[in-house]
Amino acid sequence: MSVTAVPIRPIKKGSLVKLWAGLAALSLAILWLAYQGTESLRTGDPRFFLAQNGKRDNVVTTASGLQYEVLRKGSGPRPGATDIVTFNYVGRLADGTIFDESAKQGGPATAPVFGVVPGVSEALQLMNKGSAYRIWMPPELGYGPQGSGDTIPPDSMLEFDLDLVDFRSLTPEEEQRIQMQMMQMMQQQGGGGQPTG
């Protein structure tokens, strides 16, 4: 048995470079398409994104629809609805745009738990001091159909990174002052307050 040798022509240097450049371009196109697919998942219908996100390992969905992932577990007690919390936060729209962060506001924020949007309030009450959570909230736990100015469009799904630094109870004076402020806001918005008459 004899084997016939077939000479193979050597590849020119220019052709080899073109081949590698073509493979690199094809790889970049595939990555771009994959990114576009995940980006449309985030910026489309919030309920669809939240349904898919809720299937991820380590993501917990509460009865209200809030989703959270524990990034760092703290210890000790948790704040209640009437406590004052000190926390760091970064707020993002569904497309990843940062719309607010405590670092740009001068450091950790301090507010009563009931004084923040419902999704953040719920998450803070789940956290121990020293915890860090990433949360995703449906529009009804954020700013709802009205949005917030030019920054947060109506019916936006929001994502927050929260870091609970500390918390304390309201003093009686603070509680009274907050109740007065809430009554004034209700009266200014035409919501009533104490009946007149």
C-alpha atoms as a PDB file:
ATOM      1  CA  MET A   1       0.000   0.000   0.000  1.00  0.00           C
ATOM      2  CA  SER A   2       1.326   3.382  -0.914  1.00  0.00           C
ATOM      3  CA  VAL A   3       0.351   6.763   0.376  1.00  0.00           C
ATOM      4  CA  THR A   4       0.272   9.655  -2.004  1.00  0.00           C
ATOM      5  CA  ALA A   5       1.408  12.889  -0.483  1.00  0.00           C
ATOM      6  CA  VAL A   6      -0.643  15.908  -1.461  1.00  0.00           C
ATOM      7  CA  PRO A   7       1.239  19.127  -1.057  1.00  0.00           C
ATOM      8  CA  ILE A   8      -0.662  21.773   0.928  1.00  0.00           C
ATOM      9  CA  ARG A   9      -0.039  25.290  -0.042  1.00  0.00           C
ATOM     10  CA  PRO A  10       1.213  27.468   2.859  1.00  0.00           C
ATOM     11  CA  ILE A  11      -1.157  30.160   4.100  1.00  0.00           C
ATOM     12  CA  LYS A  12      -0.059  33.691   3.356  1.00  0.00           C
ATOM     13  CA  LYS A  13       0.583  35.905   6.374  1.00  0.00           C
ATOM     14  CA  GLY A  14      -2.073  38.400   5.342  1.00  0.00           C
ATOM     15  CA  SER A  15      -4.720  35.665   5.108  1.00  0.00           C
ATOM     16  CA  LEU A  16      -3.950  34.398   8.615  1.00  0.00           C
ATOM     17  CA  VAL A  17      -4.334  37.906  10.069  1.00  0.00           C
ATOM     18  CA  LYS A  18      -7.656  38.309   8.239  1.00  0.00           C
ATOM     19  CA  LEU A  19      -8.839  34.964   9.621  1.00  0.00           C
ATOM     20  CA  TRP A  20      -8.033  35.965  13.227  1.00  0.00           C
ATOM     21  CA  ALA A  21      -9.555  39.433  12.756  1.00  0.00           C
ATOM     22  CA  GLY A  22     -12.737  37.820  11.421  1.00  0.00           C
ATOM     23  CA  LEU A  23     -12.962  35.448  14.397  1.00  0.00           C
ATOM     24  CA  ALA A  24     -12.433  38.352  16.813  1.00  0.00           C
ATOM     25  CA  ALA A  25     -15.159  40.412  15.096  1.00  0.00           C
ATOM     26  CA  LEU A  26     -17.544  37.443  15.205  1.00  0.00           C
ATOM     27  CA  SER A  27     -16.847  36.940  18.932  1.00  0.00           C
ATOM     28  CA  LEU A  28     -17.514  40.629  19.672  1.00  0.00           C
ATOM     29  CA  ALA A  29     -20.769  40.500  17.703  1.00  0.00           C
ATOM     30  CA  ILE A  30     -21.939  37.481  19.707  1.00  0.00           C
ATOM     31  CA  LEU A  31     -21.065  39.194  23.019  1.00  0.00           C
ATOM     32  CA  TRP A  32     -22.889  42.366  21.943  1.00  0.00           C
ATOM     33  CA  LEU A  33     -26.017  40.371  21.037  1.00  0.00           C
ATOM     34  CA  ALA A  34     -25.910  38.541  24.376  1.00  0.00           C
ATOM     35  CA  TYR A  35     -25.584  41.864  26.238  1.00  0.00           C
ATOM     36  CA  GLN A  36     -28.505  43.360  24.316  1.00  0.00           C
ATOM     37  CA  GLY A  37     -30.631  40.373  25.287  1.00  0.00           C
ATOM     38  CA  THR A  38     -29.957  40.815  29.015  1.00  0.00           C
ATOM     39  CA  GLU A  39     -30.323  44.604  28.782  1.00  0.00           C
ATOM     40  CA  SER A  40     -33.786  44.308  27.223  1.00  0.00           C
ATOM     41  CA  LEU A  41     -34.700  41.897  30.029  1.00  0.00           C
ATOM     42  CA  ARG A  42     -33.848  44.603  32.605  1.00  0.00           C
ATOM     43  CA  THR A  43     -35.455  47.562  30.815  1.00  0.00           C
ATOM     44  CA  GLY A  44     -38.630  45.828  29.607  1.00  0.00           C
ATOM     45  CA  ASP A  45     -41.632  44.918  31.725  1.00  0.00           C
ATOM     46  CA  PRO A  46     -40.596  45.079  35.411  1.00  0.00           C
ATOM     47  CA  ARG A  47     -42.739  42.071  36.287  1.00  0.00           C
ATOM     48  CA  PHE A  48     -40.950  39.916  33.716  1.00  0.00           C
ATOM     49  CA  PHE A  49     -37.544  40.984  35.040  1.00  0.00           C
ATOM     50  CA  LEU A  50     -38.598  40.368  38.651  1.00  0.00           C
ATOM     51  CA  ALA A  51     -40.026  36.942  37.765  1.00  0.00           C
ATOM     52  CA  GLN A  52     -36.725  35.920  36.166  1.00  0.00           C
ATOM     53  CA  ASN A  53     -34.615  37.553  38.895  1.00  0.00           C
ATOM     54  CA  GLY A  54     -36.579  35.738  41.603  1.00  0.00           C
ATOM     55  CA  LYS A  55     -35.399  32.401  40.173  1.00  0.00           C
ATOM     56  CA  ARG A  56     -31.746  33.221  40.894  1.00  0.00           C
ATOM     57  CA  ASP A  57     -29.961  31.507  43.775  1.00  0.00           C
ATOM     58  CA  ASN A  58     -29.758  33.671  46.906  1.00  0.00           C
ATOM     59  CA  VAL A  59     -32.590  36.006  45.817  1.00  0.00           C
ATOM     60  CA  VAL A  60     -35.539  36.043  48.239  1.00  0.00           C
ATOM     61  CA  THR A  61     -38.972  37.390  47.242  1.00  0.00           C
ATOM     62  CA  THR A  62     -41.226  38.701  50.022  1.00  0.00           C
ATOM     63  CA  ALA A  63     -45.053  38.654  50.024  1.00  0.00           C
ATOM     64  CA  SER A  64     -45.107  42.291  48.856  1.00  0.00           C
ATOM     65  CA  GLY A  65     -42.957  41.508  45.806  1.00  0.00           C
ATOM     66  CA  LEU A  66     -39.733  42.999  47.166  1.00  0.00           C
ATOM     67  CA  GLN A  67     -36.677  40.958  46.203  1.00  0.00           C
ATOM     68  CA  TYR A  68     -33.407  40.984  48.093  1.00  0.00           C
ATOM     69  CA  GLU A  69     -30.016  39.347  48.133  1.00  0.00           C
ATOM     70  CA  VAL A  70     -27.871  39.374  51.260  1.00  0.00           C
ATOM     71  CA  LEU A  71     -24.427  40.697  50.329  1.00  0.00           C
ATOM     72  CA  ARG A  72     -23.151  40.811  53.923  1.00  0.00           C
ATOM     73  CA  LYS A  73     -24.903  39.477  56.992  1.00  0.00           C
ATOM     74  CA  GLY A  74     -24.909  41.664  60.077  1.00  0.00           C
ATOM     75  CA  SER A  75     -25.842  40.726  63.626  1.00  0.00           C
ATOM     76  CA  GLY A  76     -28.085  41.801  66.458  1.00  0.00           C
ATOM     77  CA  PRO A  77     -31.599  43.226  66.404  1.00  0.00           C
ATOM     78  CA  ARG A  78     -33.411  44.723  63.422  1.00  0.00           C
ATOM     79  CA  PRO A  79     -34.899  48.224  63.234  1.00  0.00           C
ATOM     80  CA  GLY A  80     -38.650  48.683  63.477  1.00  0.00           C
ATOM     81  CA  ALA A  81     -40.903  50.969  61.466  1.00  0.00           C
ATOM     82  CA  THR A  82     -40.565  53.836  63.959  1.00  0.00           C
ATOM     83  CA  ASP A  83     -36.783  53.656  64.399  1.00  0.00           C
ATOM     84  CA  ILE A  84     -34.263  56.121  62.975  1.00  0.00           C
ATOM     85  CA  VAL A  85     -31.739  54.414  60.685  1.00  0.00           C
ATOM     86  CA  THR A  86     -28.330  55.469  59.421  1.00  0.00           C
ATOM     87  CA  PHE A  87     -27.533  53.749  56.140  1.00  0.00           C
ATOM     88  CA  ASN A  88     -25.564  54.001  52.933  1.00  0.00           C
ATOM     89  CA  TYR A  89     -27.379  53.459  49.665  1.00  0.00           C
ATOM     90  CA  VAL A  90     -26.993  53.496  45.896  1.00  0.00           C
ATOM     91  CA  GLY A  91     -30.241  53.720  43.901  1.00  0.00           C
ATOM     92  CA  ARG A  92     -30.365  52.537  40.286  1.00  0.00           C
ATOM     93  CA  LEU A  93     -32.936  52.475  37.529  1.00  0.00           C
ATOM     94  CA  ALA A  94     -33.535  49.196  35.686  1.00  0.00           C
ATOM     95  CA  ASP A  95     -30.956  50.135  33.031  1.00  0.00           C
ATOM     96  CA  GLY A  96     -28.261  50.537  35.702  1.00  0.00           C
ATOM     97  CA  THR A  97     -28.294  54.358  35.760  1.00  0.00           C
ATOM     98  CA  ILE A  98     -27.517  55.621  39.268  1.00  0.00           C
ATOM     99  CA  PHE A  99     -30.154  58.195  40.226  1.00  0.00           C
ATOM    100  CA  ASP A 100     -29.044  58.800  43.830  1.00  0.00           C
ATOM    101  CA  GLU A 101     -26.434  57.683  46.338  1.00  0.00           C
ATOM    102  CA  SER A 102     -25.691  58.629  49.908  1.00  0.00           C
ATOM    103  CA  ALA A 103     -21.976  59.176  49.202  1.00  0.00           C
ATOM    104  CA  LYS A 104     -22.866  62.099  46.896  1.00  0.00           C
ATOM    105  CA  GLN A 105     -25.172  63.501  49.586  1.00  0.00           C
ATOM    106  CA  GLY A 106     -22.399  63.781  52.161  1.00  0.00           C
ATOM    107  CA  GLY A 107     -22.246  60.288  53.618  1.00  0.00           C
ATOM    108  CA  PRO A 108     -24.711  57.933  55.245  1.00  0.00           C
ATOM    109  CA  ALA A 109     -28.355  59.004  55.216  1.00  0.00           C
ATOM    110  CA  THR A 110     -30.306  59.254  58.464  1.00  0.00           C
ATOM    111  CA  ALA A 111     -34.092  58.914  58.307  1.00  0.00           C
ATOM    112  CA  PRO A 112     -37.017  57.286  60.070  1.00  0.00           C
ATOM    113  CA  VAL A 113     -37.708  53.839  58.592  1.00  0.00           C
ATOM    114  CA  PHE A 114     -41.276  54.901  57.729  1.00  0.00           C
ATOM    115  CA  GLY A 115     -39.924  58.025  55.973  1.00  0.00           C
ATOM    116  CA  VAL A 116     -38.432  56.281  52.919  1.00  0.00           C
ATOM    117  CA  VAL A 117     -40.121  54.576  49.956  1.00  0.00           C
ATOM    118  CA  PRO A 118     -42.011  51.413  50.979  1.00  0.00           C
ATOM    119  CA  GLY A 119     -39.548  48.953  49.392  1.00  0.00           C
ATOM    120  CA  VAL A 120     -36.555  50.465  51.179  1.00  0.00           C
ATOM    121  CA  SER A 121     -38.541  50.635  54.436  1.00  0.00           C
ATOM    122  CA  GLU A 122     -39.425  46.944  54.182  1.00  0.00           C
ATOM    123  CA  ALA A 123     -35.829  45.956  53.388  1.00  0.00           C
ATOM    124  CA  LEU A 124     -34.367  48.001  56.269  1.00  0.00           C
ATOM    125  CA  GLN A 125     -36.653  46.147  58.704  1.00  0.00           C
ATOM    126  CA  LEU A 126     -35.259  42.816  57.450  1.00  0.00           C
ATOM    127  CA  MET A 127     -31.633  43.858  58.008  1.00  0.00           C
ATOM    128  CA  ASN A 128     -29.455  43.535  61.087  1.00  0.00           C
ATOM    129  CA  LYS A 129     -26.944  46.243  61.947  1.00  0.00           C
ATOM    130  CA  GLY A 130     -23.925  45.828  59.654  1.00  0.00           C
ATOM    131  CA  SER A 131     -25.892  44.035  56.915  1.00  0.00           C
ATOM    132  CA  ALA A 132     -25.584  44.888  53.235  1.00  0.00           C
ATOM    133  CA  TYR A 133     -28.440  43.963  50.858  1.00  0.00           C
ATOM    134  CA  ARG A 134     -29.158  44.435  47.172  1.00  0.00           C
ATOM    135  CA  ILE A 135     -32.873  44.904  46.631  1.00  0.00           C
ATOM    136  CA  TRP A 136     -35.156  45.054  43.610  1.00  0.00           C
ATOM    137  CA  MET A 137     -38.590  46.548  43.989  1.00  0.00           C
ATOM    138  CA  PRO A 138     -41.646  46.605  41.759  1.00  0.00           C
ATOM    139  CA  PRO A 139     -42.986  50.084  40.902  1.00  0.00           C
ATOM    140  CA  GLU A 140     -45.675  49.986  43.603  1.00  0.00           C
ATOM    141  CA  LEU A 141     -42.987  49.717  46.307  1.00  0.00           C
ATOM    142  CA  GLY A 142     -41.020  52.602  44.782  1.00  0.00           C
ATOM    143  CA  TYR A 143     -42.468  55.734  43.189  1.00  0.00           C
ATOM    144  CA  GLY A 144     -45.356  54.047  41.348  1.00  0.00           C
ATOM    145  CA  PRO A 145     -47.195  55.534  38.372  1.00  0.00           C
ATOM    146  CA  GLN A 146     -46.181  59.126  39.194  1.00  0.00           C
ATOM    147  CA  GLY A 147     -42.399  58.519  39.204  1.00  0.00           C
ATOM    148  CA  SER A 148     -40.237  61.217  40.765  1.00  0.00           C
ATOM    149  CA  GLY A 149     -39.566  64.330  38.733  1.00  0.00           C
ATOM    150  CA  ASP A 150     -37.285  63.907  35.733  1.00  0.00           C
ATOM    151  CA  THR A 151     -35.094  61.401  37.581  1.00  0.00           C
ATOM    152  CA  ILE A 152     -37.341  58.363  38.004  1.00  0.00           C
ATOM    153  CA  PRO A 153     -39.824  57.599  35.218  1.00  0.00           C
ATOM    154  CA  PRO A 154     -43.344  56.389  36.055  1.00  0.00           C
ATOM    155  CA  ASP A 155     -43.724  52.676  36.851  1.00  0.00           C
ATOM    156  CA  SER A 156     -39.981  52.107  37.272  1.00  0.00           C
ATOM    157  CA  MET A 157     -38.501  48.985  38.788  1.00  0.00           C
ATOM    158  CA  LEU A 158     -35.733  50.160  41.127  1.00  0.00           C
ATOM    159  CA  GLU A 159     -32.594  48.494  42.454  1.00  0.00           C
ATOM    160  CA  PHE A 160     -30.848  49.605  45.644  1.00  0.00           C
ATOM    161  CA  ASP A 161     -27.686  48.584  47.426  1.00  0.00           C
ATOM    162  CA  LEU A 162     -28.296  49.189  51.146  1.00  0.00           C
ATOM    163  CA  ASP A 163     -25.771  49.088  53.989  1.00  0.00           C
ATOM    164  CA  LEU A 164     -27.310  49.445  57.466  1.00  0.00           C
ATOM    165  CA  VAL A 165     -24.780  51.325  59.598  1.00  0.00           C
ATOM    166  CA  ASP A 166     -26.831  51.864  62.773  1.00  0.00           C
ATOM    167  CA  PHE A 167     -30.317  52.556  64.141  1.00  0.00           C
ATOM    168  CA  ARG A 168     -31.990  53.923  67.250  1.00  0.00           C
ATOM    169  CA  SER A 169     -35.459  54.565  68.621  1.00  0.00           C
ATOM    170  CA  LEU A 170     -37.240  57.872  68.149  1.00  0.00           C
ATOM    171  CA  THR A 171     -37.224  60.209  71.111  1.00  0.00           C
ATOM    172  CA  PRO A 172     -40.697  61.420  72.184  1.00  0.00           C
ATOM    173  CA  GLU A 173     -39.815  64.923  70.893  1.00  0.00           C
ATOM    174  CA  GLU A 174     -38.807  63.549  67.477  1.00  0.00           C
ATOM    175  CA  GLU A 175     -41.978  61.484  67.276  1.00  0.00           C
ATOM    176  CA  GLN A 176     -44.136  64.527  68.060  1.00  0.00           C
ATOM    177  CA  ARG A 177     -42.245  66.699  65.536  1.00  0.00           C
ATOM    178  CA  ILE A 178     -42.642  64.073  62.805  1.00  0.00           C
ATOM    179  CA  GLN A 179     -46.373  63.722  63.487  1.00  0.00           C
ATOM    180  CA  MET A 180     -46.766  67.518  63.196  1.00  0.00           C
ATOM    181  CA  GLN A 181     -44.819  67.559  59.918  1.00  0.00           C
ATOM    182  CA  MET A 182     -46.949  64.751  58.504  1.00  0.00           C
ATOM    183  CA  MET A 183     -50.159  66.583  59.446  1.00  0.00           C
ATOM    184  CA  GLN A 184     -48.875  69.764  57.789  1.00  0.00           C
ATOM    185  CA  MET A 185     -47.976  67.861  54.614  1.00  0.00           C
ATOM    186  CA  MET A 186     -51.420  66.259  54.506  1.00  0.00           C
ATOM    187  CA  GLN A 187     -53.099  69.641  54.907  1.00  0.00           C
ATOM    188  CA  GLN A 188     -50.925  71.175  52.153  1.00  0.00           C
ATOM    189  CA  GLN A 189     -51.829  68.312  49.822  1.00  0.00           C
ATOM    190  CA  GLY A 190     -55.516  68.715  50.615  1.00  0.00           C
ATOM    191  CA  GLY A 191     -55.555  65.447  52.521  1.00  0.00           C
ATOM    192  CA  GLY A 192     -57.224  66.769  55.600  1.00  0.00           C
ATOM    193  CA  GLY A 193     -55.502  66.442  58.925  1.00  0.00           C
ATOM    194  CA  GLN A 194     -57.743  67.432  61.833  1.00  0.00           C
ATOM    195  CA  PRO A 195     -61.346  68.215  60.896  1.00  0.00           C
ATOM    196  CA  THR A 196     -62.354  71.844  61.015  1.00  0.00           C
ATOM    197  CA  GLY A 197     -65.698  73.092  61.819  1.00  0.00           C
END
